[in-house]
Protein backbone atom coordinates (compact mmCIF):
# COMPACT_ATOMS: atom_id res chain seq x y z
CA MET A 1 -0.48 7.71 -20.44
CA LYS A 2 -2.33 8.81 -17.29
CA ASN A 3 -1.05 5.80 -15.31
CA PHE A 4 2.48 6.48 -16.51
CA LEU A 5 2.32 10.03 -15.17
CA VAL A 6 1.00 8.88 -11.79
CA ILE A 7 3.76 6.26 -11.55
CA LEU A 8 6.34 8.89 -12.48
CA LEU A 9 4.95 11.25 -9.83
CA LEU A 10 5.05 8.46 -7.22
CA ILE A 11 8.66 7.66 -8.05
CA VAL A 12 9.70 11.32 -7.85
CA VAL A 13 7.89 11.93 -4.54
CA ILE A 14 9.26 8.75 -2.95
CA ALA A 15 12.78 9.55 -4.13
CA LEU A 16 12.52 13.10 -2.78
CA LEU A 17 11.19 11.93 0.57
CA ASN A 18 13.96 9.37 0.94
CA THR A 19 16.61 11.89 -0.11
CA LEU A 20 15.41 14.81 1.99
CA ILE A 21 14.38 12.92 5.12
CA GLY A 22 16.16 9.62 4.67
CA GLY A 23 15.94 6.39 6.58
CA ALA A 24 12.80 4.86 7.98
CA ALA A 25 11.05 8.22 8.35
CA GLY A 26 11.36 8.91 4.63
CA GLN A 27 10.07 5.46 3.81
CA ALA A 28 7.18 5.90 6.24
CA LEU A 29 6.17 9.17 4.58
CA ALA A 30 6.43 7.53 1.18
CA SER A 31 4.16 4.75 2.45
CA LEU A 32 1.69 7.37 3.69
CA PHE A 33 1.77 9.06 0.28
CA VAL A 34 0.94 5.77 -1.48
CA ALA A 35 -1.90 5.20 1.02
CA ILE A 36 -3.35 8.62 0.20
CA VAL A 37 -3.18 7.88 -3.53
CA LEU A 38 -5.08 4.63 -2.89
CA PHE A 39 -7.68 6.26 -0.63
CA VAL A 40 -8.37 8.98 -3.20
CA GLY A 41 -9.01 6.28 -5.81
CA LYS A 42 -6.21 7.11 -8.23
CA GLY A 43 -4.00 4.11 -7.46
CA ASP A 44 -6.06 1.11 -8.54
CA PHE A 45 -3.43 0.18 -11.11
CA LEU A 46 -0.87 -0.13 -8.30
CA ILE A 47 -2.74 -3.01 -6.66
CA ALA A 48 -1.05 -6.24 -7.71
CA GLY A 49 -3.40 -8.63 -9.44
CA TYR A 50 -6.20 -6.11 -9.86
CA ASN A 51 -4.32 -4.29 -12.57
CA THR A 52 -3.95 -7.40 -14.73
CA ALA A 53 -7.27 -9.07 -13.86
CA SER A 54 -9.89 -9.72 -16.48
CA LYS A 55 -13.06 -7.66 -16.58
CA GLU A 56 -15.02 -10.55 -15.05
CA ALA A 57 -12.56 -10.85 -12.17
CA LYS A 58 -12.67 -7.08 -11.55
CA GLU A 59 -16.47 -7.22 -11.37
CA LYS A 60 -16.23 -9.79 -8.54
CA CYS A 61 -14.13 -7.40 -6.48
CA ASN A 62 -15.43 -4.54 -4.34
CA ILE A 63 -12.83 -1.95 -5.29
CA LYS A 64 -13.75 0.49 -2.52
CA ARG A 65 -13.09 -2.14 0.13
CA LEU A 66 -9.90 -3.23 -1.63
CA ARG A 67 -8.65 0.37 -1.65
CA LEU A 68 -9.45 0.64 2.06
CA ILE A 69 -7.57 -2.57 2.84
CA MET A 70 -4.51 -1.67 0.79
CA GLY A 71 -4.39 1.94 2.00
CA SER A 72 -4.69 0.80 5.61
CA CYS A 73 -1.91 -1.72 5.01
CA PHE A 74 0.38 1.05 3.79
CA ILE A 75 -0.46 3.26 6.77
CA LEU A 76 0.26 0.43 9.21
CA LEU A 77 3.48 -0.37 7.36
CA GLY A 78 4.51 3.27 7.69
CA ALA A 79 3.81 3.14 11.42
CA LEU A 80 5.90 -0.02 11.72
CA LEU A 81 8.74 1.70 9.87
CA VAL A 82 8.63 4.66 12.25
CA PHE A 83 8.85 2.40 15.31
CA MET A 84 11.29 -0.12 13.79
CA ASP A 85 14.22 1.07 15.91
CA THR A 86 12.10 1.04 19.06
CA ILE A 87 10.57 -2.43 18.66
CA GLY A 88 13.60 -4.16 17.21
CA LEU A 89 14.18 -5.90 13.91
CA GLY A 90 12.75 -9.28 14.93
CA LEU A 91 9.43 -7.87 16.12
CA PHE A 92 9.32 -5.58 13.07
CA MET A 93 9.70 -8.55 10.72
CA ALA A 94 7.07 -10.57 12.58
CA ALA A 95 4.60 -7.68 12.59
CA THR A 96 5.21 -7.02 8.89
CA LEU A 97 4.63 -10.69 8.07
CA LEU A 98 1.41 -10.69 10.11
CA LEU A 99 0.29 -7.50 8.34
CA VAL A 100 0.88 -9.03 4.92
CA ILE A 101 -0.98 -12.23 5.84
CA MET A 102 -3.96 -10.27 7.21
CA THR A 103 -4.01 -8.06 4.11
CA ILE A 104 -4.08 -11.08 1.81
CA ILE A 105 -6.87 -12.71 3.81
CA LEU A 106 -9.00 -9.55 3.89
CA ALA A 107 -8.41 -8.82 0.22
CA ASN A 108 -9.58 -12.32 -0.73
CA THR A 109 -12.61 -12.42 1.58
CA TRP A 110 -14.00 -9.08 2.71
CA ALA A 111 -13.16 -7.23 -0.52
CA MET A 112 -14.98 -9.76 -2.72
CA LYS A 113 -18.59 -9.34 -3.76
CA LYS A 114 -20.95 -12.10 -2.79
């Protein structure tokens, strides 16, 4: 029930930001909001794969590092969204792809316990 309420709150905040501000700025603020939820430690269930992982798999993961990686990814994505018109669509897509690849690599190496 708690996760449902957090998801509902996320949906409402993101919808309000996109409606009130609109465009890339609204999406960037929504991305920042998701990053804050992750940094505070209330958004673990939003991390794909971690939510459905077994208890053994969750024990192999350093959740604090994973939160840091995912939150940072959302902040950088928000920054890319803000500058999307300035840098152009091609560079935006390339930078987003690079960000996703780096996030996957860090999440599967640095965020794992040894």
